[in-house]
N, C-alpha and C. Protein backbone atom coordinates (compact mmCIF):
# COMPACT_ATOMS: atom_id res chain seq x y z
N VAL A 1 5.11 5.18 -16.82
CA VAL A 1 3.69 5.54 -16.28
C VAL A 1 2.70 5.55 -17.52
N GLU A 2 3.14 5.80 -18.69
CA GLU A 2 2.15 5.69 -19.91
C GLU A 2 1.65 4.52 -20.16
N ASP A 3 2.49 3.42 -19.77
CA ASP A 3 2.06 1.91 -20.23
C ASP A 3 1.15 1.74 -19.14
N ILE A 4 1.52 2.29 -17.54
CA ILE A 4 0.49 1.83 -16.86
C ILE A 4 -0.78 2.50 -16.95
N LYS A 5 -0.89 3.60 -17.41
CA LYS A 5 -2.16 4.39 -17.82
C LYS A 5 -2.91 3.57 -18.75
N LYS A 6 -2.32 3.15 -19.75
CA LYS A 6 -2.82 2.54 -20.95
C LYS A 6 -3.38 1.09 -20.53
N ILE A 7 -2.44 0.44 -19.80
CA ILE A 7 -2.96 -0.89 -19.43
C ILE A 7 -4.24 -0.76 -18.70
N VAL A 8 -4.25 0.22 -17.63
CA VAL A 8 -5.48 0.28 -16.85
C VAL A 8 -6.49 0.65 -17.38
N ARG A 9 -6.41 1.81 -18.28
CA ARG A 9 -7.68 2.51 -18.94
C ARG A 9 -8.17 1.41 -19.95
N GLU A 10 -7.28 0.71 -20.67
CA GLU A 10 -7.94 -0.12 -21.73
C GLU A 10 -8.07 -1.46 -21.34
N GLN A 11 -7.38 -2.22 -20.53
CA GLN A 11 -7.32 -3.76 -20.25
C GLN A 11 -7.97 -3.89 -19.11
N LEU A 12 -8.15 -3.19 -17.82
CA LEU A 12 -8.72 -3.68 -16.71
C LEU A 12 -10.09 -3.47 -17.01
N ASN A 13 -10.60 -4.72 -16.55
CA ASN A 13 -12.18 -4.94 -16.71
C ASN A 13 -12.74 -4.41 -15.10
N ALA A 14 -12.68 -3.29 -14.89
CA ALA A 14 -13.23 -2.74 -13.73
C ALA A 14 -14.01 -1.39 -13.88
N SER A 15 -14.68 -0.75 -12.90
CA SER A 15 -15.44 0.36 -12.87
C SER A 15 -14.45 1.59 -13.13
N ASP A 16 -14.88 2.61 -13.61
CA ASP A 16 -14.16 3.85 -13.51
C ASP A 16 -13.53 4.28 -12.34
N LYS A 17 -14.30 4.05 -11.28
CA LYS A 17 -13.89 4.41 -10.06
C LYS A 17 -12.57 3.59 -9.52
N VAL A 18 -12.54 2.38 -9.74
CA VAL A 18 -11.48 1.40 -9.47
C VAL A 18 -10.40 1.76 -10.45
N LYS A 19 -10.44 2.20 -11.75
CA LYS A 19 -9.38 2.57 -12.63
C LYS A 19 -8.90 3.90 -12.14
N GLU A 20 -9.56 4.92 -11.63
CA GLU A 20 -9.28 6.23 -11.24
C GLU A 20 -8.30 6.10 -9.80
N ASP A 21 -8.89 5.07 -8.94
CA ASP A 21 -8.07 4.91 -7.61
C ASP A 21 -6.54 4.08 -8.05
N THR A 22 -6.74 3.35 -8.83
CA THR A 22 -5.63 2.46 -9.42
C THR A 22 -4.41 3.53 -9.99
N LEU A 23 -4.96 4.49 -10.71
CA LEU A 23 -4.19 5.41 -11.26
C LEU A 23 -3.44 6.49 -10.38
N ASN A 24 -4.40 6.66 -9.43
CA ASN A 24 -3.97 7.89 -8.38
C ASN A 24 -2.76 7.10 -7.24
N VAL A 25 -3.27 6.08 -7.14
CA VAL A 25 -1.76 5.28 -6.38
C VAL A 25 -0.53 5.18 -7.03
N PHE A 26 -0.79 4.72 -8.34
CA PHE A 26 0.51 4.83 -9.32
C PHE A 26 0.85 6.28 -9.32
N SER A 27 0.12 7.32 -9.15
CA SER A 27 0.76 8.70 -9.41
C SER A 27 1.65 9.13 -7.98
N LEU A 28 0.98 8.49 -6.88
CA LEU A 28 1.94 8.57 -5.94
C LEU A 28 3.43 8.11 -5.87
N ILE A 29 3.33 6.93 -6.56
CA ILE A 29 4.58 6.24 -6.51
C ILE A 29 5.46 7.03 -7.57
N ALA A 30 4.79 7.30 -8.80
CA ALA A 30 5.41 8.09 -9.86
C ALA A 30 6.07 9.28 -9.26
N GLU A 31 5.45 10.08 -8.39
CA GLU A 31 5.66 11.48 -7.91
C GLU A 31 6.83 11.18 -6.96
N ALA A 32 6.88 10.12 -6.25
CA ALA A 32 8.09 9.80 -5.34
C ALA A 32 9.18 9.50 -6.11
N GLU A 33 9.35 8.59 -7.16
CA GLU A 33 10.31 8.09 -8.03
C GLU A 33 10.61 9.21 -8.76
N SER A 34 9.82 10.36 -9.16
CA SER A 34 10.38 11.50 -9.77
C SER A 34 11.46 12.45 -9.03
N SER A 35 10.63 12.48 -7.77
CA SER A 35 11.34 13.08 -6.95
C SER A 35 13.04 12.65 -6.46
N VAL A 36 12.86 11.25 -6.10
CA VAL A 36 14.28 10.58 -6.02
C VAL A 36 15.04 10.62 -7.03
N HIS A 37 14.51 10.55 -8.28
CA HIS A 37 15.47 10.24 -9.33
C HIS A 37 15.93 11.63 -10.22
N GLY A 38 15.00 12.75 -9.77
CA GLY A 38 15.21 14.09 -10.37
C GLY A 38 14.82 14.00 -11.79
N LYS A 39 14.02 13.32 -12.20
CA LYS A 39 13.40 13.17 -13.70
C LYS A 39 11.88 13.66 -13.70
N PRO A 40 11.35 14.19 -14.64
CA PRO A 40 9.88 14.43 -14.81
C PRO A 40 9.17 13.17 -14.64
N VAL A 41 7.97 13.07 -14.41
CA VAL A 41 6.98 12.04 -13.97
C VAL A 41 6.79 11.14 -15.37
N GLU A 42 6.81 11.91 -16.15
CA GLU A 42 6.81 11.05 -17.79
C GLU A 42 7.85 10.15 -18.03
N GLU A 43 9.12 10.44 -17.39
CA GLU A 43 10.21 9.50 -17.83
C GLU A 43 10.36 8.49 -16.60
N ILE A 44 9.47 8.30 -15.89
CA ILE A 44 9.79 7.20 -14.70
C ILE A 44 9.46 5.89 -15.26
N HIS A 45 10.15 4.99 -14.95
CA HIS A 45 9.85 3.48 -15.24
C HIS A 45 9.81 2.82 -13.91
N PHE A 46 8.91 1.99 -13.65
CA PHE A 46 8.64 1.15 -12.49
C PHE A 46 9.59 -0.23 -12.38
N HIS A 47 10.98 0.19 -12.44
CA HIS A 47 12.11 -1.12 -12.46
C HIS A 47 11.87 -1.95 -11.20
N GLU A 48 11.53 -1.13 -10.12
CA GLU A 48 11.49 -2.04 -8.80
C GLU A 48 10.36 -2.98 -8.67
N VAL A 49 9.19 -2.60 -9.25
CA VAL A 49 7.98 -3.56 -9.02
C VAL A 49 7.58 -4.07 -10.88
N GLY A 50 7.20 -5.53 -10.61
CA GLY A 50 6.91 -5.80 -11.91
C GLY A 50 5.64 -5.26 -12.15
N THR A 51 5.23 -4.41 -13.43
CA THR A 51 4.30 -3.65 -13.68
C THR A 51 2.98 -4.56 -13.73
N MET A 52 2.99 -5.87 -14.20
CA MET A 52 1.66 -6.19 -14.34
C MET A 52 1.41 -6.93 -12.80
N ASP A 53 2.26 -7.19 -11.84
CA ASP A 53 1.88 -7.45 -10.70
C ASP A 53 1.52 -6.50 -9.72
N ALA A 54 2.43 -5.54 -9.99
CA ALA A 54 1.84 -4.03 -8.99
C ALA A 54 0.60 -3.72 -9.49
N ILE A 55 0.14 -3.72 -10.97
CA ILE A 55 -1.39 -3.15 -11.27
C ILE A 55 -2.27 -4.37 -10.59
N ALA A 56 -1.96 -5.57 -10.63
CA ALA A 56 -2.80 -6.56 -10.03
C ALA A 56 -3.05 -6.13 -8.55
N ASP A 57 -1.66 -6.22 -7.95
CA ASP A 57 -2.03 -5.61 -6.52
C ASP A 57 -2.63 -4.43 -6.20
N VAL A 58 -2.44 -3.17 -7.02
CA VAL A 58 -3.31 -2.17 -6.49
C VAL A 58 -4.70 -2.11 -6.89
N SER A 59 -4.83 -2.74 -8.03
CA SER A 59 -6.27 -2.76 -8.52
C SER A 59 -7.05 -3.44 -7.51
N ALA A 60 -6.54 -4.76 -7.25
CA ALA A 60 -7.20 -5.62 -6.16
C ALA A 60 -7.69 -4.99 -4.96
N VAL A 61 -6.47 -3.88 -4.38
CA VAL A 61 -7.00 -3.28 -3.29
C VAL A 61 -8.25 -2.23 -3.68
N ALA A 62 -8.00 -1.57 -4.90
CA ALA A 62 -9.04 -0.52 -5.37
C ALA A 62 -10.37 -1.34 -5.45
N LEU A 63 -10.57 -2.56 -6.05
CA LEU A 63 -11.77 -3.35 -6.03
C LEU A 63 -12.36 -3.47 -4.78
N LEU A 64 -11.60 -4.02 -3.56
CA LEU A 64 -11.86 -4.31 -2.56
C LEU A 64 -12.56 -3.05 -1.95
N MET A 65 -11.84 -1.93 -1.97
CA MET A 65 -12.15 -0.69 -1.44
C MET A 65 -13.59 -0.26 -1.83
N GLU A 66 -13.73 -0.48 -3.35
CA GLU A 66 -15.09 -0.15 -3.89
C GLU A 66 -16.10 -0.94 -3.13
N GLU A 67 -15.82 -2.13 -3.29
CA GLU A 67 -16.76 -3.25 -2.65
C GLU A 67 -17.07 -3.00 -1.16
N ILE A 68 -15.96 -2.72 -0.35
CA ILE A 68 -16.53 -2.59 1.03
C ILE A 68 -17.08 -0.93 1.12
N ALA A 69 -16.60 0.08 0.55
CA ALA A 69 -16.94 1.32 0.61
C ALA A 69 -17.19 1.84 2.04
N PRO A 70 -15.78 1.90 2.47
CA PRO A 70 -15.74 2.12 4.22
C PRO A 70 -16.05 3.77 4.33
N GLU A 71 -16.78 4.29 5.25
CA GLU A 71 -16.71 5.75 5.52
C GLU A 71 -15.25 6.34 5.80
N GLN A 72 -14.44 5.52 6.65
CA GLN A 72 -13.28 5.94 7.23
C GLN A 72 -12.46 4.79 7.01
N VAL A 73 -10.94 5.07 7.25
CA VAL A 73 -10.13 3.99 7.12
C VAL A 73 -8.88 4.44 8.13
N VAL A 74 -8.81 3.76 9.10
CA VAL A 74 -7.75 3.98 10.23
C VAL A 74 -6.70 3.52 9.96
N SER A 75 -5.79 3.61 9.92
CA SER A 75 -4.31 2.78 9.77
C SER A 75 -3.40 2.82 10.85
N SER A 76 -2.74 2.03 11.25
CA SER A 76 -1.86 2.13 12.39
C SER A 76 -0.73 2.81 11.83
N PRO A 77 0.46 3.26 12.53
CA PRO A 77 1.50 3.89 12.16
C PRO A 77 2.17 2.78 11.49
N VAL A 78 2.85 3.17 10.50
CA VAL A 78 3.72 2.15 9.39
C VAL A 78 5.06 1.76 9.98
N ASN A 79 5.23 0.44 10.07
CA ASN A 79 6.53 0.06 10.54
C ASN A 79 7.20 -0.13 9.40
N THR A 80 8.15 0.44 9.09
CA THR A 80 8.94 0.53 7.88
C THR A 80 10.09 -0.43 7.89
N GLY A 81 10.18 -1.35 9.01
CA GLY A 81 11.54 -2.11 9.17
C GLY A 81 12.86 -1.36 9.42
N ARG A 82 13.79 -2.05 9.22
CA ARG A 82 15.21 -1.13 9.29
C ARG A 82 16.06 -2.09 8.69
N GLY A 83 17.48 -1.28 8.69
CA GLY A 83 18.34 -1.97 7.83
C GLY A 83 18.56 -1.53 6.50
N THR A 84 19.08 -2.31 5.66
CA THR A 84 19.40 -1.85 4.20
C THR A 84 18.46 -2.87 3.57
N VAL A 85 18.27 -2.48 1.88
CA VAL A 85 17.48 -3.16 1.08
C VAL A 85 18.15 -3.05 -0.30
N LYS A 86 18.48 -4.13 -0.96
CA LYS A 86 19.11 -4.26 -2.29
C LYS A 86 17.99 -3.81 -3.45
N CYS A 87 18.50 -2.84 -4.08
CA CYS A 87 17.63 -2.33 -5.23
C CYS A 87 18.36 -2.09 -6.53
N ALA A 88 17.60 -1.61 -7.52
CA ALA A 88 18.54 -1.29 -8.94
C ALA A 88 19.48 -0.62 -8.54
N HIS A 89 19.52 0.36 -7.53
CA HIS A 89 20.34 1.46 -7.70
C HIS A 89 21.73 1.15 -6.48
N GLY A 90 21.50 -0.18 -6.00
CA GLY A 90 22.43 -0.55 -4.87
C GLY A 90 21.81 -0.86 -3.61
N VAL A 91 22.60 -0.87 -2.53
CA VAL A 91 22.27 -0.99 -1.33
C VAL A 91 21.68 0.46 -0.51
N LEU A 92 20.48 0.39 -0.33
CA LEU A 92 20.14 1.50 0.40
C LEU A 92 19.47 1.45 1.92
N PRO A 93 19.44 2.46 2.73
CA PRO A 93 18.57 2.26 3.84
C PRO A 93 17.34 2.12 3.89
N VAL A 94 16.88 1.44 4.90
CA VAL A 94 15.28 1.33 4.93
C VAL A 94 14.58 2.37 5.75
N PRO A 95 13.60 3.13 5.45
CA PRO A 95 12.91 2.95 4.43
C PRO A 95 13.70 3.37 3.01
N ALA A 96 13.47 2.78 1.98
CA ALA A 96 13.87 3.21 0.84
C ALA A 96 13.48 4.64 0.29
N PRO A 97 14.27 5.41 -0.37
CA PRO A 97 13.97 6.96 -0.68
C PRO A 97 12.68 6.98 -0.99
N ALA A 98 12.05 6.26 -2.28
CA ALA A 98 10.44 6.58 -2.60
C ALA A 98 9.58 6.16 -1.51
N THR A 99 9.86 5.12 -0.80
CA THR A 99 8.91 4.82 0.33
C THR A 99 8.92 5.97 1.38
N ALA A 100 9.98 6.32 1.70
CA ALA A 100 10.14 7.66 2.83
C ALA A 100 9.59 8.82 2.13
N TYR A 101 9.62 9.03 0.89
CA TYR A 101 9.10 10.25 0.29
C TYR A 101 7.43 10.13 0.42
N ILE A 102 7.00 8.95 -0.08
CA ILE A 102 5.56 8.83 0.00
C ILE A 102 4.89 8.85 1.42
N LEU A 103 5.62 8.47 2.57
CA LEU A 103 5.20 8.39 3.65
C LEU A 103 5.50 9.63 4.63
N LYS A 104 5.67 10.84 3.88
CA LYS A 104 5.69 11.91 4.28
C LYS A 104 4.28 12.24 4.97
N GLY A 105 4.53 12.85 6.01
CA GLY A 105 3.10 13.30 6.80
C GLY A 105 2.43 12.11 7.39
N VAL A 106 2.95 10.65 7.18
CA VAL A 106 2.33 9.37 7.69
C VAL A 106 3.22 9.13 9.17
N PRO A 107 2.43 8.93 10.14
CA PRO A 107 3.14 8.22 11.36
C PRO A 107 4.05 6.97 10.81
N MET A 108 5.23 6.90 11.19
CA MET A 108 6.00 5.83 10.68
C MET A 108 7.15 5.51 11.88
N TYR A 109 7.55 4.31 11.97
CA TYR A 109 8.47 3.95 13.01
C TYR A 109 9.33 2.91 12.36
N GLN A 110 10.84 2.84 12.95
CA GLN A 110 11.39 1.34 12.49
C GLN A 110 11.15 0.50 13.74
N GLY A 111 10.92 -0.67 13.57
CA GLY A 111 10.79 -1.84 14.54
C GLY A 111 12.23 -2.71 14.71
N GLU A 112 11.79 -3.72 15.34
CA GLU A 112 13.23 -4.36 15.43
C GLU A 112 13.64 -5.37 14.35
N ILE A 113 12.63 -5.45 13.44
CA ILE A 113 12.78 -6.52 12.18
C ILE A 113 13.79 -5.62 11.23
N LYS A 114 14.82 -6.39 10.88
CA LYS A 114 15.95 -5.90 10.02
C LYS A 114 15.64 -6.47 8.56
N SER A 115 14.60 -5.76 8.03
CA SER A 115 14.30 -6.01 6.60
C SER A 115 13.19 -4.92 6.16
N GLU A 116 13.06 -4.69 4.82
CA GLU A 116 12.24 -3.57 4.24
C GLU A 116 10.54 -4.30 4.56
N LEU A 117 9.92 -3.53 5.57
CA LEU A 117 8.57 -3.95 5.57
C LEU A 117 7.40 -3.32 5.05
N CYS A 118 7.95 -2.19 4.37
CA CYS A 118 6.97 -1.38 3.69
C CYS A 118 7.72 -0.81 2.34
N THR A 119 6.84 -1.27 1.09
CA THR A 119 7.48 -1.12 -0.13
C THR A 119 6.62 0.36 -0.56
N PRO A 120 7.23 1.13 -1.71
CA PRO A 120 6.51 2.00 -2.28
C PRO A 120 4.91 1.74 -2.42
N THR A 121 4.89 0.58 -3.13
CA THR A 121 3.52 0.20 -3.46
C THR A 121 2.68 0.22 -2.18
N GLY A 122 2.98 -0.32 -1.06
CA GLY A 122 2.23 -0.47 0.04
C GLY A 122 2.10 0.85 0.66
N ALA A 123 3.23 1.59 0.83
CA ALA A 123 3.12 2.93 1.21
C ALA A 123 2.11 3.85 0.58
N ALA A 124 2.01 3.64 -0.79
CA ALA A 124 1.07 4.57 -1.59
C ALA A 124 -0.38 4.13 -1.11
N LEU A 125 -0.67 2.88 -1.26
CA LEU A 125 -1.84 2.26 -0.66
C LEU A 125 -2.43 2.89 0.53
N ILE A 126 -1.40 2.68 1.59
CA ILE A 126 -1.76 3.20 2.79
C ILE A 126 -2.16 4.52 2.92
N LYS A 127 -1.13 5.26 2.11
CA LYS A 127 -1.46 6.98 2.13
C LYS A 127 -2.83 7.26 1.24
N TYR A 128 -2.93 6.71 0.37
CA TYR A 128 -4.06 6.76 -0.55
C TYR A 128 -5.64 6.58 0.30
N TYR A 129 -5.58 5.60 0.78
CA TYR A 129 -6.99 5.23 1.23
C TYR A 129 -7.29 5.55 2.88
N SER A 130 -6.01 5.84 3.56
CA SER A 130 -6.21 6.11 4.94
C SER A 130 -6.86 7.63 5.18
N THR A 131 -7.83 7.59 5.82
CA THR A 131 -8.53 8.96 6.39
C THR A 131 -7.84 9.20 7.53
N SER A 132 -7.30 8.36 8.43
CA SER A 132 -6.57 8.94 9.61
C SER A 132 -5.59 7.76 10.24
N PHE A 133 -4.81 8.05 11.13
CA PHE A 133 -3.66 7.19 11.70
C PHE A 133 -3.82 7.22 13.29
N GLY A 134 -3.43 6.04 13.68
CA GLY A 134 -3.81 5.82 15.01
C GLY A 134 -4.12 4.43 15.63
N ASN A 135 -4.53 4.54 16.85
CA ASN A 135 -4.88 3.27 17.31
C ASN A 135 -6.50 2.82 16.87
N MET A 136 -6.61 1.34 16.77
CA MET A 136 -7.87 0.98 16.35
C MET A 136 -8.96 1.57 17.29
N PRO A 137 -9.95 2.21 16.66
CA PRO A 137 -11.20 2.86 17.27
C PRO A 137 -11.82 1.82 17.98
N VAL A 138 -12.44 1.98 19.12
CA VAL A 138 -13.69 1.11 19.50
C VAL A 138 -14.56 0.79 18.63
N MET A 139 -14.96 -0.32 18.27
CA MET A 139 -15.68 -0.93 17.23
C MET A 139 -16.38 -2.18 17.38
N GLN A 140 -17.35 -2.31 16.76
CA GLN A 140 -17.94 -3.60 16.53
C GLN A 140 -17.42 -4.49 15.37
N THR A 141 -16.40 -5.33 15.29
CA THR A 141 -16.05 -5.76 14.17
C THR A 141 -17.21 -6.81 13.35
N GLN A 142 -17.37 -6.67 12.18
CA GLN A 142 -18.13 -7.53 11.25
C GLN A 142 -17.30 -8.41 10.47
N ALA A 143 -16.19 -8.25 10.10
CA ALA A 143 -15.10 -9.13 9.56
C ALA A 143 -13.82 -8.62 9.71
N ILE A 144 -12.97 -9.91 9.51
CA ILE A 144 -11.54 -9.82 9.82
C ILE A 144 -10.97 -10.53 8.56
N GLY A 145 -9.69 -9.93 7.96
CA GLY A 145 -9.15 -10.55 6.94
C GLY A 145 -7.72 -10.36 7.30
N TYR A 146 -6.79 -11.36 6.49
CA TYR A 146 -5.38 -11.49 7.04
C TYR A 146 -4.79 -11.96 5.57
N GLY A 147 -3.73 -11.12 5.17
CA GLY A 147 -2.73 -11.56 4.03
C GLY A 147 -1.62 -11.96 4.37
N MET A 148 -1.04 -12.97 4.07
CA MET A 148 0.29 -13.32 4.69
C MET A 148 1.29 -13.26 3.70
N GLY A 149 2.62 -12.75 4.34
CA GLY A 149 3.90 -12.61 3.43
C GLY A 149 4.57 -14.03 3.49
N LYS A 150 5.59 -13.78 2.48
CA LYS A 150 6.31 -15.04 2.42
C LYS A 150 7.75 -15.20 3.22
N LYS A 151 7.87 -13.96 3.77
CA LYS A 151 9.44 -13.75 4.56
C LYS A 151 8.86 -14.39 5.96
N ASN A 152 9.83 -15.04 6.51
CA ASN A 152 9.79 -15.46 8.01
C ASN A 152 10.49 -14.57 8.65
N PHE A 153 9.91 -13.93 9.70
CA PHE A 153 10.61 -12.86 10.67
C PHE A 153 10.64 -13.50 12.03
N GLY A 154 10.07 -14.57 12.38
CA GLY A 154 9.92 -14.99 13.67
C GLY A 154 8.78 -14.30 14.31
N THR A 155 8.01 -13.21 13.89
CA THR A 155 6.80 -12.74 14.15
C THR A 155 5.65 -12.82 12.87
N ALA A 156 4.40 -12.56 13.06
CA ALA A 156 3.81 -12.68 11.95
C ALA A 156 3.99 -11.84 10.87
N ASN A 157 4.20 -12.02 9.61
CA ASN A 157 4.41 -11.12 8.54
C ASN A 157 3.20 -10.92 7.66
N CYS A 158 2.15 -10.34 8.23
CA CYS A 158 0.92 -10.17 7.62
C CYS A 158 0.34 -8.89 7.56
N LEU A 159 -0.86 -8.84 6.82
CA LEU A 159 -1.51 -7.49 6.80
C LEU A 159 -3.01 -7.89 7.37
N ARG A 160 -3.39 -7.17 8.41
CA ARG A 160 -4.68 -7.47 8.83
C ARG A 160 -5.76 -6.33 8.65
N ALA A 161 -6.58 -6.61 8.25
CA ALA A 161 -7.77 -5.38 8.10
C ALA A 161 -9.03 -6.04 8.92
N LEU A 162 -9.86 -5.08 9.57
CA LEU A 162 -10.82 -5.20 10.38
C LEU A 162 -11.99 -4.21 9.76
N LEU A 163 -13.25 -4.98 9.56
CA LEU A 163 -14.31 -3.93 9.12
C LEU A 163 -15.50 -4.27 10.29
N GLY A 164 -15.65 -2.95 10.52
CA GLY A 164 -16.80 -2.80 11.58
C GLY A 164 -17.40 -1.50 11.51
N GLU A 165 -18.09 -1.29 12.83
CA GLU A 165 -18.95 -0.07 13.15
C GLU A 165 -18.38 0.36 14.38
N THR A 166 -18.07 1.71 14.24
CA THR A 166 -17.70 2.42 15.50
C THR A 166 -18.76 2.77 16.38
N GLN A 167 -18.54 2.93 17.60
CA GLN A 167 -19.72 3.00 18.62
C GLN A 167 -20.07 4.40 18.44
N SER A 168 -19.32 5.47 18.03
CA SER A 168 -19.69 6.95 18.20
C SER A 168 -20.53 7.33 16.93
N THR A 169 -20.48 6.60 15.95
CA THR A 169 -21.05 6.68 14.49
C THR A 169 -21.64 5.38 13.97
N THR A 170 -22.33 5.50 13.01
CA THR A 170 -23.11 4.47 12.50
C THR A 170 -22.36 3.87 11.28
N GLY A 171 -21.44 4.82 10.72
CA GLY A 171 -20.50 4.44 9.74
C GLY A 171 -19.59 3.25 10.10
N SER A 172 -19.02 2.82 8.70
CA SER A 172 -17.92 1.55 8.85
C SER A 172 -16.68 2.14 9.00
N VAL A 173 -15.84 1.34 9.79
CA VAL A 173 -14.64 1.65 9.76
C VAL A 173 -13.75 0.47 9.39
N SER A 174 -12.63 0.83 8.82
CA SER A 174 -11.60 -0.11 8.43
C SER A 174 -10.17 0.25 9.01
N GLU A 175 -9.62 -0.75 9.51
CA GLU A 175 -8.18 -0.45 9.73
C GLU A 175 -7.21 -1.47 9.10
N LEU A 176 -6.21 -0.77 8.58
CA LEU A 176 -5.23 -1.69 7.91
C LEU A 176 -4.18 -1.19 8.61
N CYS A 177 -3.57 -2.57 8.96
CA CYS A 177 -2.67 -2.65 9.72
C CYS A 177 -1.67 -3.54 8.96
N CYS A 178 -0.52 -2.97 8.47
CA CYS A 178 0.06 -3.78 7.19
C CYS A 178 1.71 -4.12 7.16
N ASN A 179 2.10 -5.12 6.88
CA ASN A 179 3.37 -5.49 6.48
C ASN A 179 3.36 -6.30 5.26
N ILE A 180 3.37 -5.63 4.05
CA ILE A 180 3.14 -6.41 2.92
C ILE A 180 4.73 -6.43 1.96
N ASP A 181 5.14 -7.56 1.74
CA ASP A 181 6.56 -7.89 1.10
C ASP A 181 6.25 -9.07 0.45
N ASP A 182 6.65 -8.87 -0.81
CA ASP A 182 6.73 -9.95 -1.87
C ASP A 182 5.64 -10.75 -1.83
N MET A 183 4.59 -10.21 -1.84
CA MET A 183 3.15 -10.76 -1.94
C MET A 183 2.61 -10.90 -3.29
N THR A 184 2.26 -12.02 -3.62
CA THR A 184 1.86 -12.17 -5.09
C THR A 184 0.18 -11.77 -5.29
N ALA A 185 -0.13 -11.59 -6.29
CA ALA A 185 -1.54 -11.13 -6.58
C ALA A 185 -2.59 -12.22 -5.86
N GLU A 186 -2.47 -13.24 -6.34
CA GLU A 186 -3.06 -14.33 -6.07
C GLU A 186 -3.23 -14.22 -4.39
N ALA A 187 -2.29 -14.00 -3.59
CA ALA A 187 -2.42 -13.98 -2.19
C ALA A 187 -3.01 -12.78 -1.61
N ILE A 188 -2.80 -11.49 -2.18
CA ILE A 188 -3.34 -10.22 -1.87
C ILE A 188 -4.75 -10.41 -2.18
N GLY A 189 -5.37 -10.99 -3.27
CA GLY A 189 -6.55 -11.08 -3.27
C GLY A 189 -7.48 -11.88 -2.39
N PHE A 190 -6.65 -13.15 -1.81
CA PHE A 190 -7.45 -13.79 -0.75
C PHE A 190 -7.47 -12.89 0.37
């Protein structure tokens, strides 16, 4: 955890807000790992995620959210996938323990795809940035973006974000509908 704080504070060329948001997302992950492993947060090592890749992914989202500056973010319920996942501790049920911990209070479900569809990093990003969960509000979209995953499930393996204005207010709305798995920093930035 201290390594990530040092890298973000000293080496990330970004605004203080982006650095703060990046560290807050990692705090959610560290808290979950701490709870799952029964260790203090200071002793947590992010063995399941490559540190530099994870920092790139989280800070890229933080940069984008700072740029967009939405008034609200509405996320769909999270499809965790089902089945099992192999990790450093062996084979575990989906959602993995840290993911399940992070998603406490977040609407989630297990769909038909037998794979891990939501990782701790994805769960932390959704929980941190979402202001509400539910169906897409009535809105006029201004931009639509997609991020494609590498696994082939027979259905689209992607994250879709819509930016627009709701009819009831003049503010912006972003919907994050995601399925992030093994996405590189280059792909998530696109």
